PDB file of all heavy atoms in Angstrom:
ATOM      1  N   ALA A   1       0.827  -1.210   0.000  1.00  0.00           N
ATOM      2  CA  ALA A   1       0.000   0.000   0.000  1.00  0.00           C
ATOM      3  C   ALA A   1       0.862   1.260   0.000  1.00  0.00           C
ATOM      4  O   ALA A   1       0.484   2.280  -0.593  1.00  0.00           O
ATOM      5  CB  ALA A   1      -0.943  -0.001   1.198  1.00  0.00           C
ATOM      6  N   ASP A   2       2.027   1.213   0.662  1.00  0.00           N
ATOM      7  CA  ASP A   2       2.936   2.359   0.643  1.00  0.00           C
ATOM      8  C   ASP A   2       3.273   2.752  -0.795  1.00  0.00           C
ATOM      9  O   ASP A   2       3.175   3.927  -1.180  1.00  0.00           O
ATOM     10  CB  ASP A   2       4.248   2.018   1.362  1.00  0.00           C
ATOM     11  CG  ASP A   2       4.095   1.843   2.858  1.00  0.00           C
ATOM     12  OD1 ASP A   2       3.176   2.448   3.442  1.00  0.00           O
ATOM     13  OD2 ASP A   2       4.909   1.105   3.445  1.00  0.00           O
ATOM     14  N   PHE A   3       3.690   1.772  -1.586  1.00  0.00           N
ATOM     15  CA  PHE A   3       4.133   2.064  -2.945  1.00  0.00           C
ATOM     16  C   PHE A   3       2.957   2.329  -3.884  1.00  0.00           C
ATOM     17  O   PHE A   3       3.066   3.151  -4.800  1.00  0.00           O
ATOM     18  CB  PHE A   3       5.015   0.932  -3.466  1.00  0.00           C
ATOM     19  CG  PHE A   3       6.420   1.016  -2.954  1.00  0.00           C
ATOM     20  CD1 PHE A   3       6.805   0.295  -1.837  1.00  0.00           C
ATOM     21  CD2 PHE A   3       7.349   1.845  -3.549  1.00  0.00           C
ATOM     22  CE1 PHE A   3       8.096   0.385  -1.335  1.00  0.00           C
ATOM     23  CE2 PHE A   3       8.638   1.951  -3.068  1.00  0.00           C
ATOM     24  CZ  PHE A   3       9.021   1.218  -1.953  1.00  0.00           C
ATOM     25  N   ALA A   4       1.835   1.661  -3.659  1.00  0.00           N
ATOM     26  CA  ALA A   4       0.660   1.937  -4.499  1.00  0.00           C
ATOM     27  C   ALA A   4       0.193   3.370  -4.317  1.00  0.00           C
ATOM     28  O   ALA A   4      -0.151   4.065  -5.290  1.00  0.00           O
ATOM     29  CB  ALA A   4      -0.462   0.957  -4.157  1.00  0.00           C
ATOM     30  N   ARG A   5       0.185   3.851  -3.080  1.00  0.00           N
ATOM     31  CA  ARG A   5      -0.240   5.230  -2.839  1.00  0.00           C
ATOM     32  C   ARG A   5       0.793   6.228  -3.337  1.00  0.00           C
ATOM     33  O   ARG A   5       0.449   7.269  -3.904  1.00  0.00           O
ATOM     34  CB  ARG A   5      -0.518   5.444  -1.345  1.00  0.00           C
ATOM     35  CG  ARG A   5      -1.794   4.765  -0.877  1.00  0.00           C
ATOM     36  CD  ARG A   5      -2.190   5.197   0.506  1.00  0.00           C
ATOM     37  NE  ARG A   5      -2.536   6.607   0.576  1.00  0.00           N
ATOM     38  CZ  ARG A   5      -3.692   7.130   0.163  1.00  0.00           C
ATOM     39  NH1 ARG A   5      -4.605   6.352  -0.383  1.00  0.00           N
ATOM     40  NH2 ARG A   5      -3.931   8.416   0.281  1.00  0.00           N
ATOM     41  N   GLY A   6       2.062   5.925  -3.142  1.00  0.00           N
ATOM     42  CA  GLY A   6       3.092   6.823  -3.645  1.00  0.00           C
ATOM     43  C   GLY A   6       3.041   6.954  -5.153  1.00  0.00           C
ATOM     44  O   GLY A   6       3.124   8.071  -5.697  1.00  0.00           O
ATOM     45  N   ALA A   7       2.883   5.838  -5.849  1.00  0.00           N
ATOM     46  CA  ALA A   7       2.798   5.868  -7.312  1.00  0.00           C
ATOM     47  C   ALA A   7       1.563   6.626  -7.778  1.00  0.00           C
ATOM     48  O   ALA A   7       1.586   7.310  -8.812  1.00  0.00           O
ATOM     49  CB  ALA A   7       2.790   4.441  -7.856  1.00  0.00           C
ATOM     50  N   MET A   8       0.476   6.521  -7.019  1.00  0.00           N
ATOM     51  CA  MET A   8      -0.765   7.201  -7.388  1.00  0.00           C
ATOM     52  C   MET A   8      -0.577   8.717  -7.423  1.00  0.00           C
ATOM     53  O   MET A   8      -1.162   9.406  -8.263  1.00  0.00           O
ATOM     54  CB  MET A   8      -1.859   6.825  -6.374  1.00  0.00           C
ATOM     55  CG  MET A   8      -3.205   7.480  -6.618  1.00  0.00           C
ATOM     56  SD  MET A   8      -4.499   6.795  -5.536  1.00  0.00           S
ATOM     57  CE  MET A   8      -3.957   7.374  -3.934  1.00  0.00           C
ATOM     58  N   TYR A   9       0.254   9.241  -6.525  1.00  0.00           N
ATOM     59  CA  TYR A   9       0.454  10.684  -6.455  1.00  0.00           C
ATOM     60  C   TYR A   9       1.623  11.168  -7.317  1.00  0.00           C
ATOM     61  O   TYR A   9       1.784  12.372  -7.522  1.00  0.00           O
ATOM     62  CB  TYR A   9       0.678  11.106  -5.005  1.00  0.00           C
ATOM     63  CG  TYR A   9      -0.571  11.001  -4.157  1.00  0.00           C
ATOM     64  CD1 TYR A   9      -0.630  10.131  -3.076  1.00  0.00           C
ATOM     65  CD2 TYR A   9      -1.696  11.772  -4.453  1.00  0.00           C
ATOM     66  CE1 TYR A   9      -1.781  10.035  -2.304  1.00  0.00           C
ATOM     67  CE2 TYR A   9      -2.836  11.675  -3.680  1.00  0.00           C
ATOM     68  CZ  TYR A   9      -2.879  10.810  -2.599  1.00  0.00           C
ATOM     69  OH  TYR A   9      -4.016  10.717  -1.846  1.00  0.00           O
ATOM     70  N   ALA A  10       2.467  10.253  -7.804  1.00  0.00           N
ATOM     71  CA  ALA A  10       3.598  10.652  -8.637  1.00  0.00           C
ATOM     72  C   ALA A  10       3.106  11.077 -10.021  1.00  0.00           C
ATOM     73  O   ALA A  10       2.167  10.477 -10.576  1.00  0.00           O
ATOM     74  CB  ALA A  10       4.582   9.495  -8.765  1.00  0.00           C
ATOM     75  N   GLU A  11       3.729  12.083 -10.591  1.00  0.00           N
ATOM     76  CA  GLU A  11       3.364  12.505 -11.944  1.00  0.00           C
ATOM     77  C   GLU A  11       3.671  11.369 -12.921  1.00  0.00           C
ATOM     78  O   GLU A  11       4.812  10.906 -13.023  1.00  0.00           O
ATOM     79  CB  GLU A  11       4.161  13.745 -12.337  1.00  0.00           C
ATOM     80  CG  GLU A  11       3.813  14.278 -13.722  1.00  0.00           C
ATOM     81  CD  GLU A  11       4.610  15.512 -14.088  1.00  0.00           C
ATOM     82  OE1 GLU A  11       5.337  16.032 -13.211  1.00  0.00           O
ATOM     83  OE2 GLU A  11       4.515  15.944 -15.247  1.00  0.00           O
ATOM     84  N   GLY A  12       2.643  10.897 -13.618  1.00  0.00           N
ATOM     85  CA  GLY A  12       2.818   9.787 -14.549  1.00  0.00           C
ATOM     86  C   GLY A  12       3.060   8.459 -13.871  1.00  0.00           C
ATOM     87  O   GLY A  12       3.495   7.494 -14.509  1.00  0.00           O
ATOM     88  N   GLY A  13       2.774   8.375 -12.566  1.00  0.00           N
ATOM     89  CA  GLY A  13       3.025   7.142 -11.821  1.00  0.00           C
ATOM     90  C   GLY A  13       2.029   6.047 -12.152  1.00  0.00           C
ATOM     91  O   GLY A  13       0.890   6.306 -12.551  1.00  0.00           O
ATOM     92  N   GLN A  14       2.473   4.812 -11.978  1.00  0.00           N
ATOM     93  CA  GLN A  14       1.620   3.647 -12.209  1.00  0.00           C
ATOM     94  C   GLN A  14       1.893   2.606 -11.132  1.00  0.00           C
ATOM     95  O   GLN A  14       3.038   2.418 -10.724  1.00  0.00           O
ATOM     96  CB  GLN A  14       1.927   2.993 -13.557  1.00  0.00           C
ATOM     97  CG  GLN A  14       1.822   3.885 -14.773  1.00  0.00           C
ATOM     98  CD  GLN A  14       2.261   3.132 -16.017  1.00  0.00           C
ATOM     99  OE1 GLN A  14       1.492   2.376 -16.611  1.00  0.00           O
ATOM    100  NE2 GLN A  14       3.515   3.303 -16.398  1.00  0.00           N
ATOM    101  N   ALA A  15       0.837   1.949 -10.685  1.00  0.00           N
ATOM    102  CA  ALA A  15       0.987   0.824  -9.759  1.00  0.00           C
ATOM    103  C   ALA A  15       0.341  -0.396 -10.390  1.00  0.00           C
ATOM    104  O   ALA A  15      -0.800  -0.333 -10.858  1.00  0.00           O
ATOM    105  CB  ALA A  15       0.346   1.146  -8.415  1.00  0.00           C
ATOM    106  N   PHE A  16       1.074  -1.498 -10.394  1.00  0.00           N
ATOM    107  CA  PHE A  16       0.585  -2.740 -10.982  1.00  0.00           C
ATOM    108  C   PHE A  16       0.444  -3.793  -9.883  1.00  0.00           C
ATOM    109  O   PHE A  16       1.389  -4.050  -9.131  1.00  0.00           O
ATOM    110  CB  PHE A  16       1.556  -3.260 -12.043  1.00  0.00           C
ATOM    111  CG  PHE A  16       1.755  -2.329 -13.210  1.00  0.00           C
ATOM    112  CD1 PHE A  16       2.788  -1.404 -13.197  1.00  0.00           C
ATOM    113  CD2 PHE A  16       0.902  -2.370 -14.310  1.00  0.00           C
ATOM    114  CE1 PHE A  16       2.983  -0.540 -14.266  1.00  0.00           C
ATOM    115  CE2 PHE A  16       1.085  -1.510 -15.385  1.00  0.00           C
ATOM    116  CZ  PHE A  16       2.130  -0.593 -15.364  1.00  0.00           C
ATOM    117  N   ILE A  17      -0.741  -4.366  -9.789  1.00  0.00           N
ATOM    118  CA  ILE A  17      -0.956  -5.541  -8.950  1.00  0.00           C
ATOM    119  C   ILE A  17      -1.003  -6.732  -9.893  1.00  0.00           C
ATOM    120  O   ILE A  17      -1.856  -6.793 -10.794  1.00  0.00           O
ATOM    121  CB  ILE A  17      -2.271  -5.441  -8.159  1.00  0.00           C
ATOM    122  CG1 ILE A  17      -2.232  -4.261  -7.180  1.00  0.00           C
ATOM    123  CG2 ILE A  17      -2.543  -6.749  -7.425  1.00  0.00           C
ATOM    124  CD1 ILE A  17      -1.273  -4.430  -6.022  1.00  0.00           C
ATOM    125  N   VAL A  18      -0.074  -7.669  -9.708  1.00  0.00           N
ATOM    126  CA  VAL A  18       0.051  -8.786 -10.655  1.00  0.00           C
ATOM    127  C   VAL A  18      -0.341 -10.090  -9.977  1.00  0.00           C
ATOM    128  O   VAL A  18      -0.095 -10.296  -8.788  1.00  0.00           O
ATOM    129  CB  VAL A  18       1.488  -8.876 -11.198  1.00  0.00           C
ATOM    130  CG1 VAL A  18       1.823  -7.633 -12.024  1.00  0.00           C
ATOM    131  CG2 VAL A  18       2.517  -9.040 -10.084  1.00  0.00           C
ATOM    132  N   THR A  19      -0.967 -10.966 -10.750  1.00  0.00           N
ATOM    133  CA  THR A  19      -1.353 -12.278 -10.237  1.00  0.00           C
ATOM    134  C   THR A  19      -1.668 -13.204 -11.404  1.00  0.00           C
ATOM    135  O   THR A  19      -2.147 -12.763 -12.450  1.00  0.00           O
ATOM    136  CB  THR A  19      -2.579 -12.175  -9.312  1.00  0.00           C
ATOM    137  OG1 THR A  19      -2.872 -13.463  -8.772  1.00  0.00           O
ATOM    138  CG2 THR A  19      -3.807 -11.655 -10.041  1.00  0.00           C
ATOM    139  N   ARG A  20      -1.373 -14.462 -11.249  1.00  0.00           N
ATOM    140  CA  ARG A  20      -1.844 -15.445 -12.223  1.00  0.00           C
ATOM    141  C   ARG A  20      -3.355 -15.538 -12.095  1.00  0.00           C
ATOM    142  O   ARG A  20      -3.909 -15.392 -11.010  1.00  0.00           O
ATOM    143  CB  ARG A  20      -1.196 -16.803 -11.963  1.00  0.00           C
ATOM    144  CG  ARG A  20       0.320 -16.791 -12.111  1.00  0.00           C
ATOM    145  CD  ARG A  20       0.931 -18.067 -11.559  1.00  0.00           C
ATOM    146  NE  ARG A  20       2.387 -17.993 -11.567  1.00  0.00           N
ATOM    147  CZ  ARG A  20       3.178 -18.840 -10.922  1.00  0.00           C
ATOM    148  NH1 ARG A  20       2.634 -19.815 -10.191  1.00  0.00           N
ATOM    149  NH2 ARG A  20       4.485 -18.715 -10.995  1.00  0.00           N
ATOM    150  N   ALA A  21      -4.025 -15.799 -13.198  1.00  0.00           N
ATOM    151  CA  ALA A  21      -5.495 -15.811 -13.190  1.00  0.00           C
ATOM    152  C   ALA A  21      -6.062 -16.910 -12.302  1.00  0.00           C
ATOM    153  O   ALA A  21      -7.156 -16.766 -11.745  1.00  0.00           O
ATOM    154  CB  ALA A  21      -6.028 -15.951 -14.608  1.00  0.00           C
ATOM    155  N   THR A  22      -5.324 -18.014 -12.151  1.00  0.00           N
ATOM    156  CA  THR A  22      -5.791 -19.132 -11.328  1.00  0.00           C
ATOM    157  C   THR A  22      -4.671 -19.626 -10.426  1.00  0.00           C
ATOM    158  O   THR A  22      -3.482 -19.404 -10.698  1.00  0.00           O
ATOM    159  CB  THR A  22      -6.272 -20.314 -12.191  1.00  0.00           C
ATOM    160  OG1 THR A  22      -5.199 -20.741 -13.038  1.00  0.00           O
ATOM    161  CG2 THR A  22      -7.466 -19.923 -13.046  1.00  0.00           C
ATOM    162  N   THR A  23      -5.054 -20.289  -9.357  1.00  0.00           N
ATOM    163  CA  THR A  23      -4.090 -20.935  -8.485  1.00  0.00           C
ATOM    164  C   THR A  23      -3.588 -22.221  -9.134  1.00  0.00           C
ATOM    165  O   THR A  23      -4.074 -22.638 -10.187  1.00  0.00           O
ATOM    166  CB  THR A  23      -4.716 -21.272  -7.127  1.00  0.00           C
ATOM    167  OG1 THR A  23      -5.738 -22.258  -7.341  1.00  0.00           O
ATOM    168  CG2 THR A  23      -5.338 -20.046  -6.493  1.00  0.00           C
ATOM    169  N   SER A  24      -2.620 -22.872  -8.488  1.00  0.00           N
ATOM    170  CA  SER A  24      -2.103 -24.139  -9.019  1.00  0.00           C
ATOM    171  C   SER A  24      -3.178 -25.214  -9.071  1.00  0.00           C
ATOM    172  O   SER A  24      -3.101 -26.145  -9.870  1.00  0.00           O
ATOM    173  CB  SER A  24      -0.923 -24.616  -8.168  1.00  0.00           C
ATOM    174  OG  SER A  24      -1.308 -24.752  -6.812  1.00  0.00           O
TER     175      SER A  24
END
């Protein structure tokens, strides 16, 4: 959350949450 919020306020910032679509 620290980095997601920081990126949200940065000029041109982006936050990516990554995950495989399914579990094993």
